[in-house]
PDB file of N, CA and C in Angstrom:
ATOM      1  N   MET A   1     120.979 113.640  96.256  1.00  0.00           N
ATOM      2  CA  MET A   1     119.919 112.755  96.168  1.00  0.00           C
ATOM      3  C   MET A   1     119.449 113.200  94.750  1.00  0.00           C
ATOM      4  N   THR A   2     119.224 111.961  93.743  1.00  0.00           N
ATOM      5  CA  THR A   2     118.750 112.153  92.398  1.00  0.00           C
ATOM      6  C   THR A   2     117.326 111.735  92.654  1.00  0.00           C
ATOM      7  N   THR A   3     116.572 112.707  91.785  1.00  0.00           N
ATOM      8  CA  THR A   3     115.138 112.228  91.580  1.00  0.00           C
ATOM      9  C   THR A   3     114.875 111.911  90.136  1.00  0.00           C
ATOM     10  N   HIS A   4     113.978 110.766  90.066  1.00  0.00           N
ATOM     11  CA  HIS A   4     114.057 110.345  88.641  1.00  0.00           C
ATOM     12  C   HIS A   4     112.358 110.816  88.251  1.00  0.00           C
ATOM     13  N   SER A   5     112.358 111.383  87.262  1.00  0.00           N
ATOM     14  CA  SER A   5     111.005 111.923  86.918  1.00  0.00           C
ATOM     15  C   SER A   5     110.359 111.096  85.771  1.00  0.00           C
ATOM     16  N   VAL A   6     109.324 110.698  86.081  1.00  0.00           N
ATOM     17  CA  VAL A   6     108.428 109.988  85.064  1.00  0.00           C
ATOM     18  C   VAL A   6     107.830 110.972  84.224  1.00  0.00           C
ATOM     19  N   ALA A   7     107.645 110.736  82.597  1.00  0.00           N
ATOM     20  CA  ALA A   7     106.790 111.733  81.969  1.00  0.00           C
ATOM     21  C   ALA A   7     105.641 111.209  82.150  1.00  0.00           C
ATOM     22  N   LEU A   8     104.847 112.380  81.946  1.00  0.00           N
ATOM     23  CA  LEU A   8     103.259 112.383  82.012  1.00  0.00           C
ATOM     24  C   LEU A   8     102.593 111.988  80.625  1.00  0.00           C
ATOM     25  N   GLN A   9     102.407 110.555  80.802  1.00  0.00           N
ATOM     26  CA  GLN A   9     101.846 110.072  79.137  1.00  0.00           C
ATOM     27  C   GLN A   9     100.928 109.132  79.396  1.00  0.00           C
ATOM     28  N   ARG A  10      99.690 109.214  78.622  1.00  0.00           N
ATOM     29  CA  ARG A  10      98.699 108.316  78.723  1.00  0.00           C
ATOM     30  C   ARG A  10      98.990 106.856  78.466  1.00  0.00           C
ATOM     31  N   PRO A  11      99.023 105.826  79.113  1.00  0.00           N
ATOM     32  CA  PRO A  11      99.502 104.638  78.854  1.00  0.00           C
ATOM     33  C   PRO A  11      98.656 103.839  77.697  1.00  0.00           C
ATOM     34  N   ARG A  12      98.934 103.154  77.015  1.00  0.00           N
ATOM     35  CA  ARG A  12      98.122 102.528  75.994  1.00  0.00           C
ATOM     36  C   ARG A  12      97.496 101.062  76.601  1.00  0.00           C
ATOM     37  N   ARG A  13      97.997 100.686  77.572  1.00  0.00           N
ATOM     38  CA  ARG A  13      97.333  99.418  78.417  1.00  0.00           C
ATOM     39  C   ARG A  13      97.191  99.975  79.864  1.00  0.00           C
ATOM     40  N   GLY A  14      96.084  99.191  80.442  1.00  0.00           N
ATOM     41  CA  GLY A  14      95.942  99.503  81.792  1.00  0.00           C
ATOM     42  C   GLY A  14      95.054 100.674  82.001  1.00  0.00           C
ATOM     43  N   LYS A  15      94.342 101.099  81.091  1.00  0.00           N
ATOM     44  CA  LYS A  15      93.265 102.305  81.272  1.00  0.00           C
ATOM     45  C   LYS A  15      92.085 101.955  81.282  1.00  0.00           C
ATOM     46  N   MET A  16      91.087 102.697  81.551  1.00  0.00           N
ATOM     47  CA  MET A  16      89.748 102.496  81.674  1.00  0.00           C
ATOM     48  C   MET A  16      88.948 103.275  80.565  1.00  0.00           C
ATOM     49  N   ILE A  17      89.353 104.632  80.540  1.00  0.00           N
ATOM     50  CA  ILE A  17      88.492 105.194  79.579  1.00  0.00           C
ATOM     51  C   ILE A  17      89.699 105.837  78.715  1.00  0.00           C
ATOM     52  N   ALA A  18      90.272 107.199  79.220  1.00  0.00           N
ATOM     53  CA  ALA A  18      91.325 107.625  78.413  1.00  0.00           C
ATOM     54  C   ALA A  18      92.754 107.496  78.830  1.00  0.00           C
ATOM     55  N   GLY A  19      92.950 106.913  79.981  1.00  0.00           N
ATOM     56  CA  GLY A  19      94.252 106.899  80.842  1.00  0.00           C
ATOM     57  C   GLY A  19      94.669 107.814  81.481  1.00  0.00           C
ATOM     58  N   VAL A  20      94.144 108.958  81.995  1.00  0.00           N
ATOM     59  CA  VAL A  20      94.325 109.968  82.554  1.00  0.00           C
ATOM     60  C   VAL A  20      94.815 109.663  83.873  1.00  0.00           C
ATOM     61  N   CYS A  21      93.859 108.831  84.722  1.00  0.00           N
ATOM     62  CA  CYS A  21      94.117 108.538  86.023  1.00  0.00           C
ATOM     63  C   CYS A  21      95.327 107.561  86.185  1.00  0.00           C
ATOM     64  N   ALA A  22      95.550 106.801  84.998  1.00  0.00           N
ATOM     65  CA  ALA A  22      96.811 106.062  85.103  1.00  0.00           C
ATOM     66  C   ALA A  22      97.916 106.663  84.866  1.00  0.00           C
ATOM     67  N   ALA A  23      97.897 107.827  83.918  1.00  0.00           N
ATOM     68  CA  ALA A  23      98.993 108.595  83.920  1.00  0.00           C
ATOM     69  C   ALA A  23      99.591 109.363  84.856  1.00  0.00           C
ATOM     70  N   LEU A  24      98.290 109.839  85.786  1.00  0.00           N
ATOM     71  CA  LEU A  24      98.858 110.617  86.736  1.00  0.00           C
ATOM     72  C   LEU A  24      99.279 109.694  87.947  1.00  0.00           C
ATOM     73  N   ALA A  25      98.782 108.486  88.165  1.00  0.00           N
ATOM     74  CA  ALA A  25      99.215 107.402  89.132  1.00  0.00           C
ATOM     75  C   ALA A  25     100.733 107.224  88.742  1.00  0.00           C
ATOM     76  N   ASN A  26     100.838 107.074  87.423  1.00  0.00           N
ATOM     77  CA  ASN A  26     102.465 106.460  87.222  1.00  0.00           C
ATOM     78  C   ASN A  26     103.466 107.872  87.683  1.00  0.00           C
ATOM     79  N   ARG A  27     102.863 108.862  87.288  1.00  0.00           N
ATOM     80  CA  ARG A  27     103.804 110.193  87.441  1.00  0.00           C
ATOM     81  C   ARG A  27     104.057 110.294  88.819  1.00  0.00           C
ATOM     82  N   PHE A  28     103.057 110.260  89.665  1.00  0.00           N
ATOM     83  CA  PHE A  28     103.391 110.560  91.156  1.00  0.00           C
ATOM     84  C   PHE A  28     103.306 109.580  92.129  1.00  0.00           C
ATOM     85  N   GLY A  29     103.679 108.024  91.592  1.00  0.00           N
ATOM     86  CA  GLY A  29     103.838 107.152  92.292  1.00  0.00           C
ATOM     87  C   GLY A  29     102.700 106.693  93.341  1.00  0.00           C
ATOM     88  N   MET A  30     101.498 106.636  92.874  1.00  0.00           N
ATOM     89  CA  MET A  30     100.295 106.412  93.667  1.00  0.00           C
ATOM     90  C   MET A  30      99.488 105.009  92.910  1.00  0.00           C
ATOM     91  N   SER A  31      98.519 104.611  93.707  1.00  0.00           N
ATOM     92  CA  SER A  31      97.830 103.476  92.781  1.00  0.00           C
ATOM     93  C   SER A  31      96.761 104.080  91.959  1.00  0.00           C
ATOM     94  N   VAL A  32      96.438 103.395  91.258  1.00  0.00           N
ATOM     95  CA  VAL A  32      95.507 103.868  90.064  1.00  0.00           C
ATOM     96  C   VAL A  32      94.092 104.088  90.728  1.00  0.00           C
ATOM     97  N   GLY A  33      93.814 103.030  91.611  1.00  0.00           N
ATOM     98  CA  GLY A  33      92.513 103.083  92.496  1.00  0.00           C
ATOM     99  C   GLY A  33      92.303 104.349  93.100  1.00  0.00           C
ATOM    100  N   THR A  34      93.551 104.773  93.887  1.00  0.00           N
ATOM    101  CA  THR A  34      93.319 105.878  94.655  1.00  0.00           C
ATOM    102  C   THR A  34      92.959 107.034  93.752  1.00  0.00           C
ATOM    103  N   VAL A  35      93.936 107.374  92.569  1.00  0.00           N
ATOM    104  CA  VAL A  35      93.520 108.307  91.633  1.00  0.00           C
ATOM    105  C   VAL A  35      92.152 108.484  91.248  1.00  0.00           C
ATOM    106  N   ARG A  36      91.788 107.359  90.889  1.00  0.00           N
ATOM    107  CA  ARG A  36      90.443 107.083  90.319  1.00  0.00           C
ATOM    108  C   ARG A  36      89.267 107.561  91.508  1.00  0.00           C
ATOM    109  N   LEU A  37      89.481 107.055  92.567  1.00  0.00           N
ATOM    110  CA  LEU A  37      88.792 107.449  93.698  1.00  0.00           C
ATOM    111  C   LEU A  37      88.615 109.105  93.943  1.00  0.00           C
ATOM    112  N   LEU A  38      89.865 109.442  93.882  1.00  0.00           N
ATOM    113  CA  LEU A  38      90.041 111.069  94.060  1.00  0.00           C
ATOM    114  C   LEU A  38      89.244 111.904  93.048  1.00  0.00           C
ATOM    115  N   PHE A  39      89.345 111.230  91.847  1.00  0.00           N
ATOM    116  CA  PHE A  39      88.469 112.154  90.659  1.00  0.00           C
ATOM    117  C   PHE A  39      87.266 111.927  90.863  1.00  0.00           C
ATOM    118  N   VAL A  40      86.720 110.762  91.221  1.00  0.00           N
ATOM    119  CA  VAL A  40      85.314 110.683  91.527  1.00  0.00           C
ATOM    120  C   VAL A  40      84.715 111.771  92.650  1.00  0.00           C
ATOM    121  N   LEU A  41      85.328 111.616  93.658  1.00  0.00           N
ATOM    122  CA  LEU A  41      85.247 112.673  94.623  1.00  0.00           C
ATOM    123  C   LEU A  41      85.314 113.838  94.388  1.00  0.00           C
ATOM    124  N   PHE A  42      86.419 114.413  93.727  1.00  0.00           N
ATOM    125  CA  PHE A  42      86.434 115.721  93.079  1.00  0.00           C
ATOM    126  C   PHE A  42      85.218 115.994  92.226  1.00  0.00           C
ATOM    127  N   GLY A  43      84.775 114.942  91.523  1.00  0.00           N
ATOM    128  CA  GLY A  43      83.634 115.214  90.396  1.00  0.00           C
ATOM    129  C   GLY A  43      82.449 115.618  91.087  1.00  0.00           C
ATOM    130  N   LEU A  44      82.435 114.885  92.301  1.00  0.00           N
ATOM    131  CA  LEU A  44      81.105 115.052  93.206  1.00  0.00           C
ATOM    132  C   LEU A  44      81.004 116.410  93.771  1.00  0.00           C
ATOM    133  N   PHE A  45      82.353 116.848  94.259  1.00  0.00           N
ATOM    134  CA  PHE A  45      82.414 118.197  95.077  1.00  0.00           C
ATOM    135  C   PHE A  45      83.119 119.226  94.361  1.00  0.00           C
ATOM    136  N   GLY A  46      83.363 119.156  93.192  1.00  0.00           N
ATOM    137  CA  GLY A  46      84.202 120.132  92.521  1.00  0.00           C
ATOM    138  C   GLY A  46      84.012 120.074  90.688  1.00  0.00           C
ATOM    139  N   ALA A  47      85.000 120.048  90.110  1.00  0.00           N
ATOM    140  CA  ALA A  47      84.891 120.071  88.690  1.00  0.00           C
ATOM    141  C   ALA A  47      85.734 119.114  88.041  1.00  0.00           C
ATOM    142  N   GLY A  48      85.766 117.861  88.560  1.00  0.00           N
ATOM    143  CA  GLY A  48      86.537 116.732  88.290  1.00  0.00           C
ATOM    144  C   GLY A  48      86.435 116.394  86.844  1.00  0.00           C
ATOM    145  N   GLU A  49      85.085 116.472  86.246  1.00  0.00           N
ATOM    146  CA  GLU A  49      84.654 116.040  85.025  1.00  0.00           C
ATOM    147  C   GLU A  49      85.440 116.972  83.932  1.00  0.00           C
ATOM    148  N   ILE A  50      85.450 118.171  84.064  1.00  0.00           N
ATOM    149  CA  ILE A  50      86.226 119.284  83.648  1.00  0.00           C
ATOM    150  C   ILE A  50      87.648 119.163  83.405  1.00  0.00           C
ATOM    151  N   ALA A  51      88.233 118.780  84.791  1.00  0.00           N
ATOM    152  CA  ALA A  51      89.605 118.599  84.765  1.00  0.00           C
ATOM    153  C   ALA A  51      90.112 117.389  84.065  1.00  0.00           C
ATOM    154  N   TYR A  52      89.180 116.233  84.042  1.00  0.00           N
ATOM    155  CA  TYR A  52      89.419 115.041  83.293  1.00  0.00           C
ATOM    156  C   TYR A  52      89.600 115.174  81.916  1.00  0.00           C
ATOM    157  N   LEU A  53      88.562 115.928  81.341  1.00  0.00           N
ATOM    158  CA  LEU A  53      88.514 116.241  79.878  1.00  0.00           C
ATOM    159  C   LEU A  53      89.749 117.087  79.458  1.00  0.00           C
ATOM    160  N   VAL A  54      90.128 118.089  80.337  1.00  0.00           N
ATOM    161  CA  VAL A  54      91.140 118.861  79.768  1.00  0.00           C
ATOM    162  C   VAL A  54      92.496 118.099  79.828  1.00  0.00           C
ATOM    163  N   LEU A  55      92.828 117.286  80.894  1.00  0.00           N
ATOM    164  CA  LEU A  55      93.825 116.493  80.911  1.00  0.00           C
ATOM    165  C   LEU A  55      93.717 115.312  79.659  1.00  0.00           C
ATOM    166  N   TRP A  56      92.673 114.848  79.393  1.00  0.00           N
ATOM    167  CA  TRP A  56      92.592 113.867  78.286  1.00  0.00           C
ATOM    168  C   TRP A  56      93.257 114.538  77.010  1.00  0.00           C
ATOM    169  N   VAL A  57      92.937 116.003  77.034  1.00  0.00           N
ATOM    170  CA  VAL A  57      93.275 116.673  75.600  1.00  0.00           C
ATOM    171  C   VAL A  57      94.889 117.243  75.724  1.00  0.00           C
ATOM    172  N   ILE A  58      95.428 117.192  76.836  1.00  0.00           N
ATOM    173  CA  ILE A  58      96.587 117.917  77.043  1.00  0.00           C
ATOM    174  C   ILE A  58      97.588 116.871  77.271  1.00  0.00           C
ATOM    175  N   VAL A  59      97.396 115.716  77.855  1.00  0.00           N
ATOM    176  CA  VAL A  59      98.520 114.596  78.089  1.00  0.00           C
ATOM    177  C   VAL A  59      98.631 113.860  76.966  1.00  0.00           C
ATOM    178  N   PRO A  60      99.888 113.794  76.504  1.00  0.00           N
ATOM    179  CA  PRO A  60      99.705 112.871  75.102  1.00  0.00           C
ATOM    180  C   PRO A  60      99.754 111.367  75.435  1.00  0.00           C
ATOM    181  N   LYS A  61      99.568 110.574  74.387  1.00  0.00           N
ATOM    182  CA  LYS A  61      99.549 109.235  74.617  1.00  0.00           C
ATOM    183  C   LYS A  61     101.323 108.683  74.712  1.00  0.00           C
ATOM    184  N   ALA A  62     101.401 107.619  75.423  1.00  0.00           N
ATOM    185  CA  ALA A  62     102.588 106.948  75.322  1.00  0.00           C
ATOM    186  C   ALA A  62     102.951 106.501  73.819  1.00  0.00           C
ATOM    187  N   PRO A  63     104.272 106.527  73.442  1.00  0.00           N
ATOM    188  CA  PRO A  63     104.753 105.867  72.089  1.00  0.00           C
ATOM    189  C   PRO A  63     104.490 104.554  72.230  1.00  0.00           C
ATOM    190  N   ARG A  64     104.271 103.872  70.968  1.00  0.00           N
ATOM    191  CA  ARG A  64     103.882 102.475  71.025  1.00  0.00           C
ATOM    192  C   ARG A  64     105.154 101.711  71.341  1.00  0.00           C
TER     193      ARG A  64
END
């Protein structure tokens, strides 16, 4: 069985703020809405804002 890994890159289209949720959704095969909801919940009950900012800095943009 072969697994195909998608690179973690922030897309240039289909993003709302920085594309962090879209990048995570593409990488793990989830819907973008689900990832956004999880970040909102994580922000309410944890450190979602900090995690988002860190990922914004660390995850590169997709090439043009």
